[in-house]
Protein backbone atom coordinates (compact mmCIF):
# COMPACT_ATOMS: atom_id res chain seq x y z
CA MET A 1 25.75 9.92 5.78
CA GLU A 2 22.46 8.88 7.02
CA ILE A 3 19.54 8.46 4.22
CA SER A 4 16.19 9.84 4.72
CA ILE A 5 12.96 9.41 2.09
CA LYS A 6 10.20 11.78 2.57
CA THR A 7 7.17 13.34 0.60
CA PHE A 8 7.17 17.15 0.24
CA SER A 9 4.06 17.05 2.82
CA GLU A 10 6.75 15.24 5.13
CA PHE A 11 9.18 17.99 5.52
CA THR A 12 10.04 20.03 8.79
CA LEU A 13 10.43 23.64 7.54
CA GLU A 14 14.59 23.16 8.60
CA GLU A 15 14.80 20.50 6.02
CA LEU A 16 12.81 22.49 3.35
CA TYR A 17 15.29 25.29 3.72
CA GLN A 18 18.21 23.41 3.78
CA ILE A 19 17.41 21.34 0.63
CA LEU A 20 16.28 24.70 -1.02
CA GLN A 21 19.70 26.25 0.09
CA LEU A 22 22.02 23.28 -1.12
CA ARG A 23 20.28 23.23 -4.42
CA SER A 24 20.65 26.97 -4.70
CA GLU A 25 24.66 27.16 -3.74
CA VAL A 26 25.11 24.21 -6.19
CA PHE A 27 22.82 25.04 -9.30
CA VAL A 28 22.91 28.61 -9.24
CA VAL A 29 25.76 30.22 -7.56
CA GLU A 30 28.44 27.45 -8.06
CA GLN A 31 27.49 26.52 -11.63
CA ASP A 32 26.38 30.13 -12.44
CA CYS A 33 23.11 29.09 -14.00
CA VAL A 34 20.02 31.46 -13.45
CA TYR A 35 17.10 28.97 -13.86
CA GLN A 36 13.73 28.35 -11.97
CA ASP A 37 14.73 25.78 -9.50
CA ILE A 38 11.27 26.45 -7.62
CA ASP A 39 9.31 24.68 -10.48
CA GLY A 40 6.02 23.43 -8.58
CA LYS A 41 7.24 19.83 -8.76
CA ASP A 42 8.69 19.29 -5.44
CA GLN A 43 5.01 18.55 -4.32
CA GLU A 44 5.11 15.39 -6.61
CA ALA A 45 8.13 14.18 -5.72
CA LEU A 46 9.74 11.84 -3.60
CA HIS A 47 12.77 13.44 -1.85
CA ILE A 48 15.98 11.47 -0.93
CA MET A 49 18.19 13.11 1.63
CA GLY A 50 21.52 12.49 2.84
CA SER A 51 22.57 14.43 6.25
CA LEU A 52 25.78 14.42 8.12
CA LYS A 53 25.35 15.65 11.62
CA GLY A 54 21.81 16.92 10.99
CA LYS A 55 22.99 18.88 7.82
CA ILE A 56 21.82 17.80 4.24
CA ILE A 57 24.95 17.45 2.36
CA ALA A 58 23.59 15.12 -0.82
CA TYR A 59 19.97 15.02 -2.31
CA THR A 60 17.86 14.02 -5.29
CA ARG A 61 14.39 14.16 -6.09
CA CYS A 62 12.32 11.48 -7.58
CA PHE A 63 9.36 10.84 -9.79
CA PRO A 64 7.02 7.98 -10.47
CA PRO A 65 6.52 7.46 -14.45
CA GLY A 66 4.38 9.97 -16.13
CA ILE A 67 5.34 13.13 -13.93
CA TYR A 68 8.65 14.61 -15.33
CA PHE A 69 9.24 11.64 -18.27
CA GLU A 70 7.29 8.84 -19.51
CA GLU A 71 9.41 6.63 -17.26
CA ALA A 72 10.23 7.46 -13.50
CA ALA A 73 12.86 10.00 -13.13
CA ILE A 74 15.63 11.11 -10.61
CA GLY A 75 16.45 14.83 -10.81
CA ARG A 76 18.26 17.46 -8.86
CA VAL A 77 21.11 15.27 -7.84
CA VAL A 78 23.23 17.51 -5.68
CA VAL A 79 25.99 16.98 -3.48
CA ALA A 80 27.51 20.12 -1.30
CA SER A 81 30.87 21.20 -2.85
CA ASP A 82 32.73 20.67 0.84
CA GLN A 83 31.67 16.98 0.75
CA ARG A 84 32.39 15.61 -2.84
CA GLY A 85 35.09 13.07 -3.10
CA HIS A 86 33.30 10.72 0.03
CA ARG A 87 31.28 8.75 -2.66
CA TYR A 88 28.15 10.52 -1.14
CA GLY A 89 26.80 11.13 -4.59
CA PHE A 90 26.79 7.26 -5.37
CA ASP A 91 25.51 6.44 -2.18
CA ILE A 92 22.49 9.08 -2.59
CA MET A 93 21.73 7.88 -6.23
CA LYS A 94 21.95 4.36 -5.24
CA ALA A 95 19.28 4.88 -2.37
CA SER A 96 17.38 6.85 -5.11
CA VAL A 97 16.99 3.94 -7.73
CA LYS A 98 16.00 1.50 -4.66
CA ALA A 99 13.46 4.28 -3.48
CA ILE A 100 12.08 4.30 -7.19
CA GLU A 101 11.99 0.52 -7.46
CA GLN A 102 10.46 -0.06 -3.67
CA ASN A 103 7.71 3.24 -4.18
CA PHE A 104 6.95 3.17 -7.79
CA HIS A 105 7.59 -0.58 -8.84
CA THR A 106 9.72 -0.05 -11.80
CA THR A 107 12.96 -0.51 -12.86
CA CYS A 108 12.99 1.96 -16.13
CA ILE A 109 14.51 5.55 -14.54
CA LYS A 110 15.47 8.53 -16.78
CA LEU A 111 17.40 11.41 -15.97
CA SER A 112 18.77 14.44 -17.69
CA ALA A 113 22.40 14.17 -16.88
CA GLN A 114 25.25 17.10 -17.28
CA THR A 115 27.27 15.78 -19.97
CA TYR A 116 30.70 15.77 -17.75
CA LEU A 117 29.23 13.65 -15.34
CA THR A 118 28.04 10.60 -18.00
CA SER A 119 30.79 8.54 -16.41
CA PHE A 120 29.30 8.76 -13.09
CA TYR A 121 25.93 7.86 -14.30
CA GLU A 122 27.19 4.65 -16.34
CA SER A 123 28.89 3.52 -13.38
CA LEU A 124 25.44 3.25 -11.69
CA GLY A 125 23.84 1.38 -14.95
CA PHE A 126 22.74 4.25 -16.74
CA GLN A 127 23.27 4.51 -20.54
CA THR A 128 22.97 7.51 -22.80
CA ILE A 129 20.16 7.96 -25.24
CA GLY A 130 20.16 10.68 -28.02
CA GLU A 131 21.85 13.34 -28.59
CA GLY A 132 23.19 16.04 -26.16
CA TYR A 133 21.34 19.25 -25.73
CA LEU A 134 21.43 22.41 -23.65
CA GLU A 135 19.43 22.87 -20.65
CA ASP A 136 19.56 26.18 -18.83
CA GLY A 137 22.85 26.83 -20.84
CA ILE A 138 24.32 23.71 -19.48
CA PRO A 139 25.44 20.68 -21.72
CA HIS A 140 23.05 17.91 -21.00
CA ILE A 141 22.26 14.28 -22.26
CA ALA A 142 19.33 12.04 -21.43
CA MET A 143 20.34 8.86 -19.78
CA ILE A 144 18.30 5.68 -19.06
CA LYS A 145 18.56 2.63 -16.69
CA LYS A 146 16.41 -0.31 -17.59
């Protein structure tokens, strides 16, 4: 998988389309969750994309401190359903943590994890904080990496 990092203004139209399509396929259709994915925050994010043969198959968006949370943040973590089981999620998250450290000069990162993925994020050094909660009808828990 080839990793690329771009700001919103650096996207090609094809990249933007593929990202929105991937997020919709997983978060809206697969997870049967009606929510406002296009939330006006993409323009403020650093976008980490994983591609195979020109197709985006893994993605995250990263924020500097103070935009999404008080800490730097990673969100919209997604891997295409037909590409799971190859450690692409782990690879895109490692690239995201590194991008935050290099671009935002912090190692303190927060995310809102779907509860069933807690052990995945723990394997990357994140720890749960607080109590679980529902976000768009799906159980989540806040996690932080310092």
